């Protein structure tokens, strides 16, 4: 590779977020390439893994915030170790004076990664409490049901009269598997 390459990495972890703010910030840094992730959970960070494998000594990896690099403090710390060992420069725009190649910079990065992980745990706990409160109040969470109570009763009666399940399912615009699961759920 001729010269150093500057890579940007942007990630969102939920559907209610967007990449606009990160794109603008990374564009100001004149990145040669910006890798974006928009999936969460198990599928998250696949593009980051490919990018990390491609980085060479002297390359620069730029992120807007340290928590964009991973969901856990341990993962972020291991990644910083690996980047430092390989001679890759990590820049975190939210912490312009951070230099993970120095002991002091590394300490600050470790502390910030810990704070980010702590905030994610607090957010998750608040979300779980909100879900529990909604369930206790009798609100349905998740996807809306495909069939209402009257349709379920009608479908059950049709199935009990030996009408083929595929015909009953088609009549209500659902798959046979959905029909059977709905009938079973409402017994």
N, C-alpha and C. Protein backbone atom coordinates (compact mmCIF):
# COMPACT_ATOMS: atom_id res chain seq x y z
N UNK A 1 0.85 -1.17 0.00
CA UNK A 1 0.00 0.00 0.00
C UNK A 1 0.89 1.23 0.00
N UNK A 2 0.57 2.19 -0.85
CA UNK A 2 1.32 3.43 -0.92
C UNK A 2 0.74 4.44 0.04
N UNK A 3 1.53 4.90 0.99
CA UNK A 3 1.08 5.90 1.94
C UNK A 3 0.07 5.35 2.93
N UNK A 4 -0.38 6.25 3.79
CA UNK A 4 -1.36 5.87 4.81
C UNK A 4 -2.76 6.02 4.25
N UNK A 5 -3.64 5.15 4.68
CA UNK A 5 -5.04 5.23 4.29
C UNK A 5 -5.85 5.65 5.49
N UNK A 6 -6.80 6.53 5.29
CA UNK A 6 -7.66 7.01 6.36
C UNK A 6 -9.06 6.41 6.15
N UNK A 7 -9.47 5.57 7.11
CA UNK A 7 -10.78 4.92 7.04
C UNK A 7 -11.70 5.51 8.10
N UNK A 8 -12.94 5.72 7.74
CA UNK A 8 -13.96 6.11 8.70
C UNK A 8 -14.87 4.92 8.97
N UNK A 9 -15.37 4.86 10.17
CA UNK A 9 -16.31 3.79 10.51
C UNK A 9 -17.49 4.39 11.25
N UNK A 10 -18.70 4.13 10.74
CA UNK A 10 -19.93 4.64 11.35
C UNK A 10 -20.85 3.47 11.61
N UNK A 11 -21.51 3.50 12.77
CA UNK A 11 -22.41 2.40 13.12
C UNK A 11 -23.60 2.93 13.88
N UNK A 12 -24.77 2.41 13.55
CA UNK A 12 -25.96 2.62 14.37
C UNK A 12 -26.41 1.26 14.86
N UNK A 13 -27.08 1.26 16.01
CA UNK A 13 -27.44 -0.03 16.60
C UNK A 13 -28.93 -0.22 16.80
N UNK A 14 -29.74 0.72 16.32
CA UNK A 14 -31.18 0.52 16.41
C UNK A 14 -31.87 1.26 15.27
N UNK A 15 -33.09 0.85 14.98
CA UNK A 15 -33.84 1.41 13.86
C UNK A 15 -34.18 2.88 14.04
N UNK A 16 -34.22 3.37 15.28
CA UNK A 16 -34.60 4.77 15.49
C UNK A 16 -33.40 5.71 15.40
N UNK A 17 -32.24 5.21 15.04
CA UNK A 17 -31.05 6.04 14.85
C UNK A 17 -30.78 6.18 13.37
N UNK A 18 -29.95 7.19 13.00
CA UNK A 18 -29.49 7.26 11.62
C UNK A 18 -28.02 7.67 11.60
N UNK A 19 -27.41 7.50 10.45
CA UNK A 19 -25.97 7.71 10.32
C UNK A 19 -25.59 9.14 9.95
N UNK A 20 -26.55 10.03 9.78
CA UNK A 20 -26.28 11.37 9.25
C UNK A 20 -25.20 12.12 10.02
N UNK A 21 -25.32 12.17 11.33
CA UNK A 21 -24.35 12.92 12.14
C UNK A 21 -22.95 12.35 11.97
N UNK A 22 -22.85 11.03 11.98
CA UNK A 22 -21.54 10.38 11.83
C UNK A 22 -20.98 10.62 10.43
N UNK A 23 -21.84 10.55 9.41
CA UNK A 23 -21.39 10.78 8.03
C UNK A 23 -20.79 12.17 7.87
N UNK A 24 -21.47 13.17 8.41
CA UNK A 24 -20.99 14.55 8.31
C UNK A 24 -19.63 14.69 8.99
N UNK A 25 -19.51 14.15 10.20
CA UNK A 25 -18.25 14.26 10.94
C UNK A 25 -17.11 13.55 10.21
N UNK A 26 -17.37 12.37 9.67
CA UNK A 26 -16.32 11.63 8.98
C UNK A 26 -15.96 12.27 7.65
N UNK A 27 -16.92 12.90 6.99
CA UNK A 27 -16.64 13.60 5.73
C UNK A 27 -15.67 14.75 5.97
N UNK A 28 -15.80 15.44 7.10
CA UNK A 28 -14.88 16.54 7.44
C UNK A 28 -13.45 16.04 7.63
N UNK A 29 -13.29 14.76 7.92
CA UNK A 29 -11.96 14.19 8.17
C UNK A 29 -11.29 13.67 6.90
N UNK A 30 -11.96 13.84 5.75
CA UNK A 30 -11.40 13.41 4.46
C UNK A 30 -10.98 11.94 4.45
N UNK A 31 -11.87 11.09 4.92
CA UNK A 31 -11.58 9.66 4.91
C UNK A 31 -11.57 9.15 3.47
N UNK A 32 -10.61 8.29 3.16
CA UNK A 32 -10.55 7.70 1.83
C UNK A 32 -11.70 6.73 1.61
N UNK A 33 -12.17 6.14 2.70
CA UNK A 33 -13.29 5.21 2.63
C UNK A 33 -14.02 5.24 3.96
N UNK A 34 -15.35 5.22 3.89
CA UNK A 34 -16.17 5.16 5.10
C UNK A 34 -17.00 3.88 5.06
N UNK A 35 -16.85 3.09 6.10
CA UNK A 35 -17.59 1.83 6.22
C UNK A 35 -18.76 2.11 7.16
N UNK A 36 -19.96 1.68 6.76
CA UNK A 36 -21.16 1.92 7.57
C UNK A 36 -21.82 0.60 7.95
N UNK A 37 -22.28 0.53 9.19
CA UNK A 37 -23.03 -0.63 9.70
C UNK A 37 -24.39 -0.13 10.15
N UNK A 38 -25.44 -0.85 9.77
CA UNK A 38 -26.78 -0.46 10.20
C UNK A 38 -27.54 -1.61 10.85
N UNK A 39 -26.89 -2.74 11.05
CA UNK A 39 -27.56 -3.87 11.68
C UNK A 39 -27.14 -3.97 13.14
N UNK A 40 -28.00 -4.56 13.93
CA UNK A 40 -27.68 -4.71 15.35
C UNK A 40 -27.63 -6.19 15.71
N UNK A 41 -27.24 -6.45 16.94
CA UNK A 41 -27.24 -7.82 17.45
C UNK A 41 -26.14 -8.67 16.84
N UNK A 42 -26.47 -9.91 16.53
CA UNK A 42 -25.49 -10.87 16.05
C UNK A 42 -24.88 -10.44 14.72
N UNK A 43 -25.67 -9.78 13.87
CA UNK A 43 -25.18 -9.40 12.55
C UNK A 43 -24.30 -8.16 12.59
N UNK A 44 -24.27 -7.47 13.71
CA UNK A 44 -23.54 -6.22 13.80
C UNK A 44 -22.05 -6.43 13.66
N UNK A 45 -21.39 -5.45 13.14
CA UNK A 45 -19.93 -5.34 13.07
C UNK A 45 -19.26 -6.29 12.10
N UNK A 46 -19.99 -6.87 11.18
CA UNK A 46 -19.34 -7.72 10.18
C UNK A 46 -18.45 -6.89 9.27
N UNK A 47 -18.92 -5.71 8.88
CA UNK A 47 -18.11 -4.85 8.02
C UNK A 47 -16.90 -4.32 8.78
N UNK A 48 -17.06 -4.07 10.08
CA UNK A 48 -15.94 -3.64 10.89
C UNK A 48 -14.88 -4.73 10.94
N UNK A 49 -15.29 -5.98 11.10
CA UNK A 49 -14.34 -7.08 11.13
C UNK A 49 -13.53 -7.15 9.84
N UNK A 50 -14.19 -6.96 8.70
CA UNK A 50 -13.50 -6.97 7.41
C UNK A 50 -12.52 -5.80 7.35
N UNK A 51 -12.97 -4.63 7.78
CA UNK A 51 -12.11 -3.45 7.78
C UNK A 51 -10.89 -3.67 8.67
N UNK A 52 -11.09 -4.19 9.86
CA UNK A 52 -9.97 -4.41 10.79
C UNK A 52 -8.94 -5.35 10.18
N UNK A 53 -9.39 -6.34 9.44
CA UNK A 53 -8.48 -7.27 8.78
C UNK A 53 -7.67 -6.62 7.67
N UNK A 54 -8.20 -5.57 7.10
CA UNK A 54 -7.56 -4.87 5.99
C UNK A 54 -6.56 -3.80 6.44
N UNK A 55 -6.70 -3.31 7.67
CA UNK A 55 -5.85 -2.21 8.15
C UNK A 55 -4.40 -2.64 8.24
N UNK A 56 -3.52 -1.71 7.84
CA UNK A 56 -2.09 -1.96 7.89
C UNK A 56 -1.41 -0.89 8.73
N UNK A 57 -0.17 -1.14 9.11
CA UNK A 57 0.60 -0.16 9.89
C UNK A 57 0.59 1.18 9.18
N UNK A 58 0.32 2.24 9.93
CA UNK A 58 0.27 3.58 9.37
C UNK A 58 -1.12 4.02 8.95
N UNK A 59 -2.04 3.07 8.77
CA UNK A 59 -3.42 3.44 8.44
C UNK A 59 -4.05 4.11 9.65
N UNK A 60 -5.12 4.84 9.38
CA UNK A 60 -5.82 5.55 10.44
C UNK A 60 -7.29 5.13 10.42
N UNK A 61 -7.81 4.77 11.58
CA UNK A 61 -9.22 4.42 11.74
C UNK A 61 -9.87 5.54 12.54
N UNK A 62 -10.92 6.14 11.97
CA UNK A 62 -11.58 7.27 12.62
C UNK A 62 -13.02 6.91 12.92
N UNK A 63 -13.43 7.15 14.16
CA UNK A 63 -14.81 6.96 14.59
C UNK A 63 -15.26 8.23 15.32
N UNK A 64 -16.57 8.45 15.36
CA UNK A 64 -17.05 9.65 16.04
C UNK A 64 -16.99 9.50 17.55
N UNK A 65 -17.34 8.30 18.04
CA UNK A 65 -17.31 8.04 19.48
C UNK A 65 -16.79 6.64 19.70
N UNK A 66 -16.18 6.44 20.84
CA UNK A 66 -15.51 5.16 21.11
C UNK A 66 -16.49 3.99 21.16
N UNK A 67 -17.74 4.24 21.58
CA UNK A 67 -18.69 3.13 21.68
C UNK A 67 -19.18 2.64 20.31
N UNK A 68 -18.82 3.33 19.23
CA UNK A 68 -19.16 2.85 17.89
C UNK A 68 -18.34 1.61 17.53
N UNK A 69 -17.25 1.39 18.23
CA UNK A 69 -16.37 0.26 17.92
C UNK A 69 -16.84 -1.07 18.49
N UNK A 70 -17.73 -1.05 19.47
CA UNK A 70 -18.17 -2.31 20.03
C UNK A 70 -19.18 -2.11 21.13
N UNK A 71 -19.84 -3.20 21.50
CA UNK A 71 -20.91 -3.14 22.49
C UNK A 71 -20.39 -3.36 23.91
N UNK A 72 -19.19 -3.90 24.04
CA UNK A 72 -18.69 -4.15 25.39
C UNK A 72 -17.32 -3.49 25.57
N UNK A 73 -17.05 -3.10 26.80
CA UNK A 73 -15.77 -2.48 27.12
C UNK A 73 -14.63 -3.41 26.77
N UNK A 74 -14.79 -4.68 27.11
CA UNK A 74 -13.74 -5.65 26.85
C UNK A 74 -13.40 -5.73 25.37
N UNK A 75 -14.43 -5.77 24.51
CA UNK A 75 -14.19 -5.84 23.07
C UNK A 75 -13.44 -4.62 22.57
N UNK A 76 -13.85 -3.44 23.04
CA UNK A 76 -13.21 -2.20 22.60
C UNK A 76 -11.75 -2.16 23.07
N UNK A 77 -11.49 -2.57 24.30
CA UNK A 77 -10.13 -2.56 24.82
C UNK A 77 -9.24 -3.53 24.05
N UNK A 78 -9.75 -4.73 23.77
CA UNK A 78 -8.98 -5.69 22.98
C UNK A 78 -8.70 -5.15 21.59
N UNK A 79 -9.68 -4.48 20.99
CA UNK A 79 -9.50 -3.92 19.67
C UNK A 79 -8.43 -2.82 19.69
N UNK A 80 -8.47 -1.96 20.72
CA UNK A 80 -7.46 -0.91 20.83
C UNK A 80 -6.07 -1.52 20.97
N UNK A 81 -5.94 -2.58 21.77
CA UNK A 81 -4.66 -3.27 21.92
C UNK A 81 -4.16 -3.77 20.58
N UNK A 82 -5.04 -4.43 19.85
CA UNK A 82 -4.68 -4.99 18.55
C UNK A 82 -4.25 -3.89 17.58
N UNK A 83 -5.01 -2.79 17.52
CA UNK A 83 -4.66 -1.69 16.62
C UNK A 83 -3.31 -1.10 16.97
N UNK A 84 -3.07 -0.89 18.24
CA UNK A 84 -1.79 -0.33 18.69
C UNK A 84 -0.64 -1.27 18.31
N UNK A 85 -0.82 -2.56 18.56
CA UNK A 85 0.21 -3.54 18.24
C UNK A 85 0.54 -3.54 16.75
N UNK A 86 -0.48 -3.36 15.92
CA UNK A 86 -0.28 -3.39 14.47
C UNK A 86 0.17 -2.05 13.89
N UNK A 87 0.24 -1.01 14.72
CA UNK A 87 0.68 0.30 14.24
C UNK A 87 -0.40 1.10 13.54
N UNK A 88 -1.66 0.76 13.80
CA UNK A 88 -2.80 1.49 13.24
C UNK A 88 -3.18 2.60 14.21
N UNK A 89 -3.39 3.79 13.68
CA UNK A 89 -3.78 4.94 14.51
C UNK A 89 -5.30 4.95 14.64
N UNK A 90 -5.79 5.04 15.86
CA UNK A 90 -7.22 5.17 16.12
C UNK A 90 -7.49 6.60 16.56
N UNK A 91 -8.41 7.26 15.86
CA UNK A 91 -8.83 8.60 16.26
C UNK A 91 -10.31 8.56 16.60
N UNK A 92 -10.65 9.11 17.77
CA UNK A 92 -12.04 9.21 18.21
C UNK A 92 -12.37 10.70 18.23
N UNK A 93 -13.25 11.12 17.33
CA UNK A 93 -13.52 12.55 17.15
C UNK A 93 -14.08 13.21 18.40
N UNK A 94 -14.84 12.47 19.21
CA UNK A 94 -15.39 13.03 20.44
C UNK A 94 -14.31 13.27 21.49
N UNK A 95 -13.13 12.68 21.28
CA UNK A 95 -12.00 12.84 22.21
C UNK A 95 -10.76 13.19 21.40
N UNK A 96 -10.67 14.45 20.93
CA UNK A 96 -9.59 14.82 20.01
C UNK A 96 -8.18 14.66 20.56
N UNK A 97 -8.01 14.75 21.86
CA UNK A 97 -6.66 14.63 22.41
C UNK A 97 -6.29 13.19 22.74
N UNK A 98 -7.17 12.27 22.48
CA UNK A 98 -6.93 10.86 22.80
C UNK A 98 -5.88 10.29 21.85
N UNK A 99 -4.85 9.71 22.42
CA UNK A 99 -3.83 8.99 21.66
C UNK A 99 -3.60 7.67 22.38
N UNK A 100 -4.17 6.59 21.84
CA UNK A 100 -4.10 5.30 22.54
C UNK A 100 -2.70 4.71 22.52
N UNK A 101 -1.77 5.36 21.82
CA UNK A 101 -0.39 4.87 21.82
C UNK A 101 0.33 5.25 23.11
N UNK A 102 -0.22 6.25 23.84
CA UNK A 102 0.40 6.65 25.11
C UNK A 102 -0.36 6.00 26.27
N UNK A 103 0.33 5.83 27.40
CA UNK A 103 -0.31 5.23 28.57
C UNK A 103 -1.47 6.09 29.06
N UNK A 104 -1.29 7.41 29.12
CA UNK A 104 -2.36 8.29 29.59
C UNK A 104 -3.56 8.27 28.65
N UNK A 105 -3.29 8.30 27.36
CA UNK A 105 -4.38 8.24 26.38
C UNK A 105 -5.13 6.94 26.47
N UNK A 106 -4.41 5.87 26.69
CA UNK A 106 -5.03 4.56 26.81
C UNK A 106 -5.91 4.47 28.06
N UNK A 107 -5.45 5.05 29.16
CA UNK A 107 -6.24 5.08 30.39
C UNK A 107 -7.55 5.82 30.15
N UNK A 108 -7.47 6.96 29.49
CA UNK A 108 -8.68 7.74 29.19
C UNK A 108 -9.63 6.94 28.30
N UNK A 109 -9.09 6.27 27.30
CA UNK A 109 -9.94 5.46 26.40
C UNK A 109 -10.61 4.33 27.17
N UNK A 110 -9.87 3.68 28.05
CA UNK A 110 -10.45 2.60 28.85
C UNK A 110 -11.58 3.11 29.73
N UNK A 111 -11.38 4.26 30.35
CA UNK A 111 -12.41 4.85 31.21
C UNK A 111 -13.64 5.23 30.38
N UNK A 112 -13.43 5.84 29.23
CA UNK A 112 -14.56 6.24 28.38
C UNK A 112 -15.33 5.01 27.88
N UNK A 113 -14.62 3.96 27.52
CA UNK A 113 -15.29 2.74 27.07
C UNK A 113 -16.11 2.15 28.21
N UNK A 114 -15.60 2.23 29.44
CA UNK A 114 -16.35 1.73 30.61
C UNK A 114 -17.60 2.54 30.84
N UNK A 115 -17.50 3.87 30.71
CA UNK A 115 -18.68 4.72 30.87
C UNK A 115 -19.73 4.41 29.80
N UNK A 116 -19.30 4.22 28.57
CA UNK A 116 -20.23 3.90 27.49
C UNK A 116 -20.94 2.57 27.76
N UNK A 117 -20.21 1.57 28.22
CA UNK A 117 -20.81 0.27 28.54
C UNK A 117 -21.80 0.40 29.69
N UNK A 118 -21.43 1.21 30.69
CA UNK A 118 -22.32 1.43 31.83
C UNK A 118 -23.62 2.09 31.37
N UNK A 119 -23.52 3.07 30.50
CA UNK A 119 -24.73 3.75 30.01
C UNK A 119 -25.60 2.80 29.20
N UNK A 120 -25.00 1.92 28.39
CA UNK A 120 -25.80 0.94 27.64
C UNK A 120 -26.54 0.01 28.59
N UNK A 121 -25.89 -0.41 29.69
CA UNK A 121 -26.56 -1.28 30.68
C UNK A 121 -27.72 -0.54 31.33
N UNK A 122 -27.52 0.73 31.68
CA UNK A 122 -28.60 1.52 32.29
C UNK A 122 -29.77 1.68 31.33
N UNK A 123 -29.46 1.96 30.07
CA UNK A 123 -30.52 2.11 29.06
C UNK A 123 -31.28 0.82 28.90
N UNK A 124 -30.58 -0.31 28.85
CA UNK A 124 -31.23 -1.62 28.71
C UNK A 124 -32.14 -1.90 29.90
N UNK A 125 -31.67 -1.56 31.11
CA UNK A 125 -32.48 -1.78 32.31
C UNK A 125 -33.75 -0.92 32.28
N UNK A 126 -33.61 0.34 31.87
CA UNK A 126 -34.80 1.20 31.76
C UNK A 126 -35.77 0.66 30.72
N UNK A 127 -35.23 0.16 29.62
CA UNK A 127 -36.09 -0.42 28.58
C UNK A 127 -36.83 -1.64 29.12
N UNK A 128 -36.13 -2.51 29.83
CA UNK A 128 -36.77 -3.70 30.41
C UNK A 128 -37.85 -3.31 31.40
N UNK A 129 -37.62 -2.26 32.19
CA UNK A 129 -38.63 -1.80 33.14
C UNK A 129 -39.85 -1.25 32.41
N UNK A 130 -39.62 -0.53 31.31
CA UNK A 130 -40.73 -0.01 30.52
C UNK A 130 -41.56 -1.11 29.89
N UNK A 131 -40.89 -2.14 29.41
CA UNK A 131 -41.60 -3.29 28.83
C UNK A 131 -42.43 -3.99 29.89
N UNK A 132 -41.84 -4.19 31.07
CA UNK A 132 -42.58 -4.85 32.16
C UNK A 132 -43.80 -4.03 32.55
N UNK A 133 -43.66 -2.71 32.62
CA UNK A 133 -44.79 -1.85 32.98
C UNK A 133 -45.89 -1.92 31.91
N UNK A 134 -45.50 -1.94 30.64
CA UNK A 134 -46.48 -2.04 29.56
C UNK A 134 -47.22 -3.36 29.61
N UNK A 135 -46.49 -4.44 29.87
CA UNK A 135 -47.13 -5.75 29.97
C UNK A 135 -48.09 -5.79 31.16
N UNK A 136 -47.68 -5.22 32.29
CA UNK A 136 -48.53 -5.19 33.48
C UNK A 136 -49.80 -4.39 33.23
N UNK A 137 -49.71 -3.39 32.36
CA UNK A 137 -50.88 -2.58 32.02
C UNK A 137 -51.74 -3.24 30.95
N UNK A 138 -51.32 -4.43 30.49
CA UNK A 138 -52.11 -5.18 29.53
C UNK A 138 -51.91 -4.76 28.08
N UNK A 139 -50.88 -3.96 27.80
CA UNK A 139 -50.64 -3.55 26.42
C UNK A 139 -49.90 -4.65 25.68
N UNK A 140 -50.28 -4.85 24.43
CA UNK A 140 -49.60 -5.84 23.58
C UNK A 140 -48.31 -5.23 23.06
N UNK A 141 -47.23 -5.96 23.18
CA UNK A 141 -45.94 -5.51 22.67
C UNK A 141 -45.55 -6.36 21.48
N UNK A 142 -44.81 -5.80 20.58
CA UNK A 142 -44.36 -6.54 19.41
C UNK A 142 -45.27 -6.28 18.22
N UNK A 143 -45.18 -7.18 17.28
CA UNK A 143 -45.98 -7.04 16.06
C UNK A 143 -47.46 -7.14 16.39
N UNK A 144 -48.28 -6.43 15.62
CA UNK A 144 -49.72 -6.57 15.83
C UNK A 144 -50.17 -7.99 15.43
N UNK A 145 -51.20 -8.47 16.11
CA UNK A 145 -51.73 -9.80 15.79
C UNK A 145 -52.34 -9.77 14.40
N UNK A 146 -52.19 -10.87 13.69
CA UNK A 146 -52.72 -10.99 12.33
C UNK A 146 -54.24 -11.20 12.32
N UNK A 147 -54.75 -11.77 13.41
CA UNK A 147 -56.19 -12.08 13.47
C UNK A 147 -56.75 -11.56 14.78
N UNK A 148 -57.98 -11.05 14.72
CA UNK A 148 -58.63 -10.59 15.95
C UNK A 148 -59.40 -11.75 16.59
N UNK A 149 -59.97 -11.51 17.74
CA UNK A 149 -60.67 -12.55 18.50
C UNK A 149 -61.80 -13.21 17.73
N UNK A 150 -62.58 -12.42 17.03
CA UNK A 150 -63.70 -12.97 16.26
C UNK A 150 -63.18 -13.88 15.14
N UNK A 151 -62.15 -13.44 14.44
CA UNK A 151 -61.59 -14.25 13.36
C UNK A 151 -61.00 -15.56 13.89
N UNK A 152 -60.38 -15.49 15.05
CA UNK A 152 -59.80 -16.70 15.65
C UNK A 152 -60.91 -17.70 15.99
N UNK A 153 -62.01 -17.20 16.57
CA UNK A 153 -63.14 -18.07 16.91
C UNK A 153 -63.75 -18.70 15.66
N UNK A 154 -63.90 -17.89 14.60
CA UNK A 154 -64.45 -18.41 13.34
C UNK A 154 -63.51 -19.47 12.74
N UNK A 155 -62.23 -19.18 12.73
CA UNK A 155 -61.26 -20.11 12.17
C UNK A 155 -61.24 -21.42 12.95
N UNK A 156 -61.31 -21.32 14.28
CA UNK A 156 -61.32 -22.52 15.12
C UNK A 156 -62.55 -23.37 14.77
N UNK A 157 -63.71 -22.73 14.61
CA UNK A 157 -64.94 -23.46 14.28
C UNK A 157 -64.82 -24.14 12.91
N UNK A 158 -64.23 -23.43 11.95
CA UNK A 158 -64.06 -24.00 10.61
C UNK A 158 -63.11 -25.20 10.64
N UNK A 159 -62.04 -25.09 11.42
CA UNK A 159 -61.09 -26.20 11.54
C UNK A 159 -61.75 -27.39 12.24
N UNK A 160 -62.57 -27.12 13.28
CA UNK A 160 -63.28 -28.18 13.99
C UNK A 160 -64.30 -28.87 13.09
N UNK A 161 -64.75 -28.17 12.05
CA UNK A 161 -65.70 -28.76 11.08
C UNK A 161 -64.94 -29.45 9.94
N UNK A 162 -63.64 -29.69 10.17
CA UNK A 162 -62.77 -30.41 9.23
C UNK A 162 -62.53 -29.69 7.91
N UNK A 163 -62.63 -28.36 7.90
CA UNK A 163 -62.26 -27.60 6.70
C UNK A 163 -60.73 -27.58 6.63
N UNK A 164 -60.13 -27.77 5.47
CA UNK A 164 -58.68 -27.80 5.35
C UNK A 164 -58.02 -26.51 5.88
N UNK A 165 -56.95 -26.68 6.61
CA UNK A 165 -56.27 -25.54 7.23
C UNK A 165 -55.78 -24.54 6.19
N UNK A 166 -55.34 -25.01 5.04
CA UNK A 166 -54.83 -24.07 4.03
C UNK A 166 -55.93 -23.16 3.51
N UNK A 167 -57.17 -23.68 3.42
CA UNK A 167 -58.29 -22.85 2.97
C UNK A 167 -58.69 -21.83 4.04
N UNK A 168 -58.69 -22.28 5.29
CA UNK A 168 -59.04 -21.38 6.40
C UNK A 168 -57.98 -20.28 6.50
N UNK A 169 -56.72 -20.66 6.40
CA UNK A 169 -55.64 -19.69 6.48
C UNK A 169 -55.75 -18.66 5.36
N UNK A 170 -55.99 -19.13 4.16
CA UNK A 170 -56.13 -18.23 3.01
C UNK A 170 -57.29 -17.26 3.22
N UNK A 171 -58.39 -17.73 3.80
CA UNK A 171 -59.56 -16.88 4.02
C UNK A 171 -59.23 -15.70 4.94
N UNK A 172 -58.26 -15.86 5.83
CA UNK A 172 -57.90 -14.79 6.78
C UNK A 172 -56.58 -14.12 6.42
N UNK A 173 -56.02 -14.49 5.27
CA UNK A 173 -54.80 -13.84 4.79
C UNK A 173 -53.56 -14.14 5.61
N UNK A 174 -53.52 -15.36 6.15
CA UNK A 174 -52.35 -15.76 6.94
C UNK A 174 -51.80 -17.07 6.42
N UNK A 175 -50.61 -17.38 6.83
CA UNK A 175 -49.98 -18.65 6.50
C UNK A 175 -50.57 -19.74 7.41
N UNK A 176 -50.53 -20.98 6.97
CA UNK A 176 -51.05 -22.09 7.77
C UNK A 176 -50.32 -22.16 9.11
N UNK A 177 -49.03 -21.94 9.09
CA UNK A 177 -48.23 -21.98 10.33
C UNK A 177 -48.71 -20.89 11.30
N UNK A 178 -48.98 -19.70 10.78
CA UNK A 178 -49.47 -18.60 11.61
C UNK A 178 -50.85 -18.93 12.17
N UNK A 179 -51.71 -19.51 11.34
CA UNK A 179 -53.05 -19.89 11.79
C UNK A 179 -52.96 -20.88 12.94
N UNK A 180 -52.16 -21.92 12.78
CA UNK A 180 -52.05 -22.94 13.83
C UNK A 180 -51.46 -22.36 15.12
N UNK A 181 -50.45 -21.50 14.98
CA UNK A 181 -49.83 -20.87 16.17
C UNK A 181 -50.83 -19.97 16.88
N UNK A 182 -51.63 -19.25 16.11
CA UNK A 182 -52.64 -18.34 16.69
C UNK A 182 -53.71 -19.14 17.44
N UNK A 183 -54.19 -20.20 16.83
CA UNK A 183 -55.20 -21.05 17.46
C UNK A 183 -54.64 -21.66 18.75
N UNK A 184 -53.41 -22.13 18.69
CA UNK A 184 -52.77 -22.75 19.84
C UNK A 184 -52.57 -21.72 20.97
N UNK A 185 -52.15 -20.50 20.61
CA UNK A 185 -51.88 -19.44 21.58
C UNK A 185 -53.14 -19.00 22.32
N UNK A 186 -54.28 -19.09 21.65
CA UNK A 186 -55.53 -18.57 22.22
C UNK A 186 -56.43 -19.66 22.80
N UNK A 187 -55.88 -20.82 23.04
CA UNK A 187 -56.70 -21.92 23.61
C UNK A 187 -57.11 -21.59 25.02
